Amino acid sequence: MSAGFWDFFRHSLIGEPPVHPIDRRIAKRWVKERLKRVFPELRNDPAALERAYGELGLEPIEGAGKGGATVYKISVPGDPGVL
């Protein structure tokens, strides 16, 4: 139990390490795969897929995740933000 406390304390002081570029690439690929499943017309159009990914509003929220990690909120253009 003490290891968990010390990890929490250490992370609260120094914050989370930056996201590794490979992890960032994996996350981008996952989002694009989800876009292809939701919008099948993007499967055979890489330019439109990249545009759709770019139009997503990826808004970072610092300290909202586990241990103070950054969480990204995705907003779709034209979405009023109410679920």
PDB file of N, CA and C in Angstrom:
ATOM      1  N   MET A   1       0.821  -1.197   0.000  1.00  0.00           N
ATOM      2  CA  MET A   1       0.000   0.000   0.000  1.00  0.00           C
ATOM      3  C   MET A   1       0.860   1.254   0.000  1.00  0.00           C
ATOM      4  N   SER A   2       2.011   1.201   0.682  1.00  0.00           N
ATOM      5  CA  SER A   2       2.853   2.391   0.755  1.00  0.00           C
ATOM      6  C   SER A   2       3.446   2.746  -0.606  1.00  0.00           C
ATOM      7  N   ALA A   3       3.713   1.738  -1.458  1.00  0.00           N
ATOM      8  CA  ALA A   3       4.244   2.029  -2.793  1.00  0.00           C
ATOM      9  C   ALA A   3       3.236   2.840  -3.595  1.00  0.00           C
ATOM     10  N   GLY A   4       1.956   2.518  -3.467  1.00  0.00           N
ATOM     11  CA  GLY A   4       0.928   3.275  -4.171  1.00  0.00           C
ATOM     12  C   GLY A   4       0.865   4.711  -3.698  1.00  0.00           C
ATOM     13  N   PHE A   5       1.016   4.906  -2.399  1.00  0.00           N
ATOM     14  CA  PHE A   5       1.006   6.264  -1.852  1.00  0.00           C
ATOM     15  C   PHE A   5       2.191   7.056  -2.356  1.00  0.00           C
ATOM     16  N   TRP A   6       3.378   6.449  -2.333  1.00  0.00           N
ATOM     17  CA  TRP A   6       4.574   7.173  -2.769  1.00  0.00           C
ATOM     18  C   TRP A   6       4.522   7.479  -4.264  1.00  0.00           C
ATOM     19  N   ASP A   7       3.988   6.556  -5.051  1.00  0.00           N
ATOM     20  CA  ASP A   7       3.823   6.827  -6.486  1.00  0.00           C
ATOM     21  C   ASP A   7       2.868   7.991  -6.704  1.00  0.00           C
ATOM     22  N   PHE A   8       1.759   7.992  -5.977  1.00  0.00           N
ATOM     23  CA  PHE A   8       0.801   9.091  -6.081  1.00  0.00           C
ATOM     24  C   PHE A   8       1.457  10.413  -5.680  1.00  0.00           C
ATOM     25  N   PHE A   9       2.194  10.399  -4.594  1.00  0.00           N
ATOM     26  CA  PHE A   9       2.853  11.615  -4.102  1.00  0.00           C
ATOM     27  C   PHE A   9       3.894  12.116  -5.111  1.00  0.00           C
ATOM     28  N   ARG A  10       4.692  11.182  -5.653  1.00  0.00           N
ATOM     29  CA  ARG A  10       5.726  11.552  -6.625  1.00  0.00           C
ATOM     30  C   ARG A  10       5.092  12.137  -7.890  1.00  0.00           C
ATOM     31  N   HIS A  11       4.018  11.503  -8.389  1.00  0.00           N
ATOM     32  CA  HIS A  11       3.347  12.002  -9.591  1.00  0.00           C
ATOM     33  C   HIS A  11       2.680  13.345  -9.354  1.00  0.00           C
ATOM     34  N   SER A  12       2.189  13.563  -8.154  1.00  0.00           N
ATOM     35  CA  SER A  12       1.555  14.849  -7.882  1.00  0.00           C
ATOM     36  C   SER A  12       2.593  15.970  -7.842  1.00  0.00           C
ATOM     37  N   LEU A  13       3.823  15.657  -7.482  1.00  0.00           N
ATOM     38  CA  LEU A  13       4.871  16.680  -7.445  1.00  0.00           C
ATOM     39  C   LEU A  13       5.474  16.949  -8.814  1.00  0.00           C
ATOM     40  N   ILE A  14       5.792  15.897  -9.541  1.00  0.00           N
ATOM     41  CA  ILE A  14       6.490  16.089 -10.812  1.00  0.00           C
ATOM     42  C   ILE A  14       5.591  15.932 -12.021  1.00  0.00           C
ATOM     43  N   GLY A  15       4.388  15.426 -11.849  1.00  0.00           N
ATOM     44  CA  GLY A  15       3.464  15.244 -12.970  1.00  0.00           C
ATOM     45  C   GLY A  15       3.786  13.994 -13.756  1.00  0.00           C
ATOM     46  N   GLU A  16       2.979  13.731 -14.748  1.00  0.00           N
ATOM     47  CA  GLU A  16       3.161  12.560 -15.600  1.00  0.00           C
ATOM     48  C   GLU A  16       4.272  12.825 -16.617  1.00  0.00           C
ATOM     49  N   PRO A  17       4.985  11.781 -17.027  1.00  0.00           N
ATOM     50  CA  PRO A  17       5.974  11.965 -18.084  1.00  0.00           C
ATOM     51  C   PRO A  17       5.272  12.298 -19.394  1.00  0.00           C
ATOM     52  N   PRO A  18       5.955  12.970 -20.298  1.00  0.00           N
ATOM     53  CA  PRO A  18       5.328  13.304 -21.584  1.00  0.00           C
ATOM     54  C   PRO A  18       4.967  12.035 -22.361  1.00  0.00           C
ATOM     55  N   VAL A  19       3.984  12.156 -23.236  1.00  0.00           N
ATOM     56  CA  VAL A  19       3.528  11.022 -24.029  1.00  0.00           C
ATOM     57  C   VAL A  19       4.606  10.671 -25.049  1.00  0.00           C
ATOM     58  N   HIS A  20       4.932   9.392 -25.099  1.00  0.00           N
ATOM     59  CA  HIS A  20       5.958   8.917 -26.021  1.00  0.00           C
ATOM     60  C   HIS A  20       5.428   9.026 -27.455  1.00  0.00           C
ATOM     61  N   PRO A  21       6.276   9.364 -28.416  1.00  0.00           N
ATOM     62  CA  PRO A  21       5.809   9.506 -29.801  1.00  0.00           C
ATOM     63  C   PRO A  21       5.149   8.239 -30.357  1.00  0.00           C
ATOM     64  N   ILE A  22       5.602   7.069 -29.956  1.00  0.00           N
ATOM     65  CA  ILE A  22       4.976   5.836 -30.435  1.00  0.00           C
ATOM     66  C   ILE A  22       3.551   5.727 -29.889  1.00  0.00           C
ATOM     67  N   ASP A  23       3.366   6.076 -28.610  1.00  0.00           N
ATOM     68  CA  ASP A  23       2.024   6.052 -28.031  1.00  0.00           C
ATOM     69  C   ASP A  23       1.108   7.043 -28.732  1.00  0.00           C
ATOM     70  N   ARG A  24       1.646   8.194 -29.077  1.00  0.00           N
ATOM     71  CA  ARG A  24       0.864   9.203 -29.787  1.00  0.00           C
ATOM     72  C   ARG A  24       0.440   8.687 -31.159  1.00  0.00           C
ATOM     73  N   ARG A  25       1.361   7.990 -31.843  1.00  0.00           N
ATOM     74  CA  ARG A  25       1.059   7.433 -33.164  1.00  0.00           C
ATOM     75  C   ARG A  25      -0.001   6.332 -33.055  1.00  0.00           C
ATOM     76  N   ILE A  26       0.097   5.508 -32.016  1.00  0.00           N
ATOM     77  CA  ILE A  26      -0.894   4.446 -31.804  1.00  0.00           C
ATOM     78  C   ILE A  26      -2.270   5.057 -31.555  1.00  0.00           C
ATOM     79  N   ALA A  27      -2.316   6.127 -30.762  1.00  0.00           N
ATOM     80  CA  ALA A  27      -3.595   6.786 -30.476  1.00  0.00           C
ATOM     81  C   ALA A  27      -4.198   7.372 -31.753  1.00  0.00           C
ATOM     82  N   LYS A  28      -3.366   7.991 -32.587  1.00  0.00           N
ATOM     83  CA  LYS A  28      -3.861   8.565 -33.840  1.00  0.00           C
ATOM     84  C   LYS A  28      -4.402   7.469 -34.753  1.00  0.00           C
ATOM     85  N   ARG A  29      -3.707   6.359 -34.805  1.00  0.00           N
ATOM     86  CA  ARG A  29      -4.171   5.245 -35.637  1.00  0.00           C
ATOM     87  C   ARG A  29      -5.499   4.695 -35.119  1.00  0.00           C
ATOM     88  N   TRP A  30      -5.635   4.586 -33.782  1.00  0.00           N
ATOM     89  CA  TRP A  30      -6.872   4.075 -33.202  1.00  0.00           C
ATOM     90  C   TRP A  30      -8.046   4.982 -33.552  1.00  0.00           C
ATOM     91  N   VAL A  31      -7.851   6.289 -33.452  1.00  0.00           N
ATOM     92  CA  VAL A  31      -8.925   7.233 -33.778  1.00  0.00           C
ATOM     93  C   VAL A  31      -9.295   7.106 -35.253  1.00  0.00           C
ATOM     94  N   LYS A  32      -8.309   6.973 -36.120  1.00  0.00           N
ATOM     95  CA  LYS A  32      -8.602   6.832 -37.553  1.00  0.00           C
ATOM     96  C   LYS A  32      -9.338   5.525 -37.846  1.00  0.00           C
ATOM     97  N   GLU A  33      -8.982   4.448 -37.162  1.00  0.00           N
ATOM     98  CA  GLU A  33      -9.692   3.185 -37.352  1.00  0.00           C
ATOM     99  C   GLU A  33     -11.147   3.314 -36.913  1.00  0.00           C
ATOM    100  N   ARG A  34     -11.382   4.013 -35.822  1.00  0.00           N
ATOM    101  CA  ARG A  34     -12.759   4.234 -35.364  1.00  0.00           C
ATOM    102  C   ARG A  34     -13.530   5.086 -36.366  1.00  0.00           C
ATOM    103  N   LEU A  35     -12.885   6.094 -36.931  1.00  0.00           N
ATOM    104  CA  LEU A  35     -13.538   6.923 -37.954  1.00  0.00           C
ATOM    105  C   LEU A  35     -13.931   6.071 -39.156  1.00  0.00           C
ATOM    106  N   LYS A  36     -13.050   5.145 -39.560  1.00  0.00           N
ATOM    107  CA  LYS A  36     -13.353   4.286 -40.707  1.00  0.00           C
ATOM    108  C   LYS A  36     -14.526   3.363 -40.420  1.00  0.00           C
ATOM    109  N   ARG A  37     -14.653   2.909 -39.176  1.00  0.00           N
ATOM    110  CA  ARG A  37     -15.776   2.027 -38.841  1.00  0.00           C
ATOM    111  C   ARG A  37     -17.088   2.789 -38.751  1.00  0.00           C
ATOM    112  N   VAL A  38     -17.028   4.004 -38.222  1.00  0.00           N
ATOM    113  CA  VAL A  38     -18.250   4.799 -38.086  1.00  0.00           C
ATOM    114  C   VAL A  38     -18.682   5.375 -39.427  1.00  0.00           C
ATOM    115  N   PHE A  39     -17.710   5.793 -40.230  1.00  0.00           N
ATOM    116  CA  PHE A  39     -17.983   6.381 -41.547  1.00  0.00           C
ATOM    117  C   PHE A  39     -17.303   5.526 -42.616  1.00  0.00           C
ATOM    118  N   PRO A  40     -17.980   4.479 -43.110  1.00  0.00           N
ATOM    119  CA  PRO A  40     -17.363   3.560 -44.080  1.00  0.00           C
ATOM    120  C   PRO A  40     -16.887   4.244 -45.361  1.00  0.00           C
ATOM    121  N   GLU A  41     -17.466   5.370 -45.699  1.00  0.00           N
ATOM    122  CA  GLU A  41     -17.049   6.059 -46.932  1.00  0.00           C
ATOM    123  C   GLU A  41     -15.619   6.589 -46.844  1.00  0.00           C
ATOM    124  N   LEU A  42     -15.043   6.649 -45.648  1.00  0.00           N
ATOM    125  CA  LEU A  42     -13.668   7.134 -45.483  1.00  0.00           C
ATOM    126  C   LEU A  42     -12.636   6.031 -45.671  1.00  0.00           C
ATOM    127  N   ARG A  43     -13.076   4.789 -45.783  1.00  0.00           N
ATOM    128  CA  ARG A  43     -12.142   3.658 -45.866  1.00  0.00           C
ATOM    129  C   ARG A  43     -11.219   3.733 -47.066  1.00  0.00           C
ATOM    130  N   ASN A  44     -11.741   4.141 -48.203  1.00  0.00           N
ATOM    131  CA  ASN A  44     -10.947   4.140 -49.443  1.00  0.00           C
ATOM    132  C   ASN A  44     -10.515   5.534 -49.869  1.00  0.00           C
ATOM    133  N   ASP A  45     -10.596   6.498 -48.964  1.00  0.00           N
ATOM    134  CA  ASP A  45     -10.219   7.876 -49.286  1.00  0.00           C
ATOM    135  C   ASP A  45      -9.292   8.423 -48.196  1.00  0.00           C
ATOM    136  N   PRO A  46      -7.967   8.182 -48.326  1.00  0.00           N
ATOM    137  CA  PRO A  46      -7.035   8.617 -47.286  1.00  0.00           C
ATOM    138  C   PRO A  46      -7.024  10.130 -47.058  1.00  0.00           C
ATOM    139  N   ALA A  47      -7.229  10.907 -48.117  1.00  0.00           N
ATOM    140  CA  ALA A  47      -7.229  12.370 -47.959  1.00  0.00           C
ATOM    141  C   ALA A  47      -8.433  12.814 -47.118  1.00  0.00           C
ATOM    142  N   ALA A  48      -9.594  12.231 -47.398  1.00  0.00           N
ATOM    143  CA  ALA A  48     -10.789  12.581 -46.623  1.00  0.00           C
ATOM    144  C   ALA A  48     -10.661  12.103 -45.176  1.00  0.00           C
ATOM    145  N   LEU A  49     -10.026  10.946 -44.974  1.00  0.00           N
ATOM    146  CA  LEU A  49      -9.809  10.441 -43.622  1.00  0.00           C
ATOM    147  C   LEU A  49      -8.907  11.389 -42.829  1.00  0.00           C
ATOM    148  N   GLU A  50      -7.854  11.863 -43.448  1.00  0.00           N
ATOM    149  CA  GLU A  50      -6.944  12.800 -42.779  1.00  0.00           C
ATOM    150  C   GLU A  50      -7.652  14.117 -42.476  1.00  0.00           C
ATOM    151  N   ARG A  51      -8.483  14.589 -43.402  1.00  0.00           N
ATOM    152  CA  ARG A  51      -9.264  15.814 -43.170  1.00  0.00           C
ATOM    153  C   ARG A  51     -10.226  15.628 -42.003  1.00  0.00           C
ATOM    154  N   ALA A  52     -10.906  14.476 -41.971  1.00  0.00           N
ATOM    155  CA  ALA A  52     -11.860  14.198 -40.893  1.00  0.00           C
ATOM    156  C   ALA A  52     -11.137  14.142 -39.553  1.00  0.00           C
ATOM    157  N   TYR A  53      -9.949  13.535 -39.522  1.00  0.00           N
ATOM    158  CA  TYR A  53      -9.170  13.479 -38.291  1.00  0.00           C
ATOM    159  C   TYR A  53      -8.750  14.891 -37.864  1.00  0.00           C
ATOM    160  N   GLY A  54      -8.356  15.697 -38.835  1.00  0.00           N
ATOM    161  CA  GLY A  54      -7.934  17.069 -38.524  1.00  0.00           C
ATOM    162  C   GLY A  54      -9.072  17.949 -38.047  1.00  0.00           C
ATOM    163  N   GLU A  55     -10.304  17.650 -38.500  1.00  0.00           N
ATOM    164  CA  GLU A  55     -11.451  18.461 -38.097  1.00  0.00           C
ATOM    165  C   GLU A  55     -11.975  18.124 -36.714  1.00  0.00           C
ATOM    166  N   LEU A  56     -11.550  16.976 -36.172  1.00  0.00           N
ATOM    167  CA  LEU A  56     -11.945  16.655 -34.804  1.00  0.00           C
ATOM    168  C   LEU A  56     -11.296  17.666 -33.868  1.00  0.00           C
ATOM    169  N   GLY A  57     -12.045  18.158 -32.950  1.00  0.00           N
ATOM    170  CA  GLY A  57     -11.486  19.106 -31.988  1.00  0.00           C
ATOM    171  C   GLY A  57     -10.865  18.343 -30.830  1.00  0.00           C
ATOM    172  N   LEU A  58      -9.581  18.026 -30.923  1.00  0.00           N
ATOM    173  CA  LEU A  58      -8.883  17.339 -29.848  1.00  0.00           C
ATOM    174  C   LEU A  58      -8.404  18.379 -28.844  1.00  0.00           C
ATOM    175  N   GLU A  59      -9.123  18.510 -27.768  1.00  0.00           N
ATOM    176  CA  GLU A  59      -8.870  19.541 -26.776  1.00  0.00           C
ATOM    177  C   GLU A  59      -8.241  18.919 -25.527  1.00  0.00           C
ATOM    178  N   PRO A  60      -6.963  19.252 -25.217  1.00  0.00           N
ATOM    179  CA  PRO A  60      -6.322  18.652 -24.038  1.00  0.00           C
ATOM    180  C   PRO A  60      -6.854  19.261 -22.743  1.00  0.00           C
ATOM    181  N   ILE A  61      -7.087  18.383 -21.766  1.00  0.00           N
ATOM    182  CA  ILE A  61      -7.501  18.821 -20.431  1.00  0.00           C
ATOM    183  C   ILE A  61      -6.414  18.340 -19.478  1.00  0.00           C
ATOM    184  N   GLU A  62      -5.569  19.260 -19.048  1.00  0.00           N
ATOM    185  CA  GLU A  62      -4.437  18.923 -18.203  1.00  0.00           C
ATOM    186  C   GLU A  62      -4.890  18.454 -16.826  1.00  0.00           C
ATOM    187  N   GLY A  63      -4.277  17.379 -16.346  1.00  0.00           N
ATOM    188  CA  GLY A  63      -4.507  16.908 -14.989  1.00  0.00           C
ATOM    189  C   GLY A  63      -5.835  16.234 -14.733  1.00  0.00           C
ATOM    190  N   ALA A  64      -6.585  15.883 -15.766  1.00  0.00           N
ATOM    191  CA  ALA A  64      -7.901  15.275 -15.565  1.00  0.00           C
ATOM    192  C   ALA A  64      -7.842  13.757 -15.512  1.00  0.00           C
ATOM    193  N   GLY A  65      -6.735  13.173 -15.899  1.00  0.00           N
ATOM    194  CA  GLY A  65      -6.633  11.716 -15.931  1.00  0.00           C
ATOM    195  C   GLY A  65      -6.042  11.147 -14.663  1.00  0.00           C
ATOM    196  N   LYS A  66      -5.791   9.861 -14.696  1.00  0.00           N
ATOM    197  CA  LYS A  66      -5.226   9.156 -13.548  1.00  0.00           C
ATOM    198  C   LYS A  66      -3.833   9.698 -13.229  1.00  0.00           C
ATOM    199  N   GLY A  67      -3.628  10.074 -12.010  1.00  0.00           N
ATOM    200  CA  GLY A  67      -2.330  10.598 -11.597  1.00  0.00           C
ATOM    201  C   GLY A  67      -2.002  11.955 -12.176  1.00  0.00           C
ATOM    202  N   GLY A  68      -3.002  12.692 -12.609  1.00  0.00           N
ATOM    203  CA  GLY A  68      -2.767  14.026 -13.163  1.00  0.00           C
ATOM    204  C   GLY A  68      -2.391  14.015 -14.632  1.00  0.00           C
ATOM    205  N   ALA A  69      -2.675  12.924 -15.336  1.00  0.00           N
ATOM    206  CA  ALA A  69      -2.338  12.829 -16.754  1.00  0.00           C
ATOM    207  C   ALA A  69      -3.264  13.702 -17.598  1.00  0.00           C
ATOM    208  N   THR A  70      -2.828  13.991 -18.799  1.00  0.00           N
ATOM    209  CA  THR A  70      -3.623  14.764 -19.742  1.00  0.00           C
ATOM    210  C   THR A  70      -4.662  13.872 -20.396  1.00  0.00           C
ATOM    211  N   VAL A  71      -5.883  14.361 -20.494  1.00  0.00           N
ATOM    212  CA  VAL A  71      -6.979  13.666 -21.160  1.00  0.00           C
ATOM    213  C   VAL A  71      -7.415  14.550 -22.327  1.00  0.00           C
ATOM    214  N   TYR A  72      -7.733  13.922 -23.455  1.00  0.00           N
ATOM    215  CA  TYR A  72      -8.174  14.665 -24.632  1.00  0.00           C
ATOM    216  C   TYR A  72      -9.668  14.516 -24.812  1.00  0.00           C
ATOM    217  N   LYS A  73     -10.358  15.644 -24.970  1.00  0.00           N
ATOM    218  CA  LYS A  73     -11.786  15.656 -25.230  1.00  0.00           C
ATOM    219  C   LYS A  73     -11.953  15.867 -26.726  1.00  0.00           C
ATOM    220  N   ILE A  74     -12.762  15.020 -27.346  1.00  0.00           N
ATOM    221  CA  ILE A  74     -13.003  15.114 -28.776  1.00  0.00           C
ATOM    222  C   ILE A  74     -14.353  15.793 -28.992  1.00  0.00           C
ATOM    223  N   SER A  75     -14.350  16.858 -29.782  1.00  0.00           N
ATOM    224  CA  SER A  75     -15.611  17.511 -30.139  1.00  0.00           C
ATOM    225  C   SER A  75     -15.731  17.510 -31.655  1.00  0.00           C
ATOM    226  N   VAL A  76     -16.903  17.149 -32.122  1.00  0.00           N
ATOM    227  CA  VAL A  76     -17.193  17.080 -33.553  1.00  0.00           C
ATOM    228  C   VAL A  76     -17.652  18.455 -34.007  1.00  0.00           C
ATOM    229  N   PRO A  77     -17.215  18.930 -35.189  1.00  0.00           N
ATOM    230  CA  PRO A  77     -17.680  20.230 -35.675  1.00  0.00           C
ATOM    231  C   PRO A  77     -19.198  20.273 -35.767  1.00  0.00           C
ATOM    232  N   GLY A  78     -19.784  21.351 -35.275  1.00  0.00           N
ATOM    233  CA  GLY A  78     -21.235  21.500 -35.291  1.00  0.00           C
ATOM    234  C   GLY A  78     -21.920  20.855 -34.120  1.00  0.00           C
ATOM    235  N   ASP A  79     -21.147  20.191 -33.259  1.00  0.00           N
ATOM    236  CA  ASP A  79     -21.717  19.543 -32.070  1.00  0.00           C
ATOM    237  C   ASP A  79     -21.914  20.584 -30.982  1.00  0.00           C
ATOM    238  N   PRO A  80     -23.115  20.686 -30.418  1.00  0.00           N
ATOM    239  CA  PRO A  80     -23.335  21.686 -29.380  1.00  0.00           C
ATOM    240  C   PRO A  80     -22.626  21.379 -28.070  1.00  0.00           C
ATOM    241  N   GLY A  81     -22.011  20.187 -27.956  1.00  0.00           N
ATOM    242  CA  GLY A  81     -21.272  19.837 -26.756  1.00  0.00           C
ATOM    243  C   GLY A  81     -22.116  19.224 -25.677  1.00  0.00           C
ATOM    244  N   VAL A  82     -23.395  19.008 -25.955  1.00  0.00           N
ATOM    245  CA  VAL A  82     -24.289  18.388 -24.977  1.00  0.00           C
ATOM    246  C   VAL A  82     -24.590  16.972 -25.420  1.00  0.00           C
ATOM    247  N   LEU A  83     -24.376  16.030 -24.549  1.00  0.00           N
ATOM    248  CA  LEU A  83     -24.650  14.630 -24.888  1.00  0.00           C
ATOM    249  C   LEU A  83     -26.010  14.229 -24.414  1.00  0.00           C
TER     250      LEU A  83
END
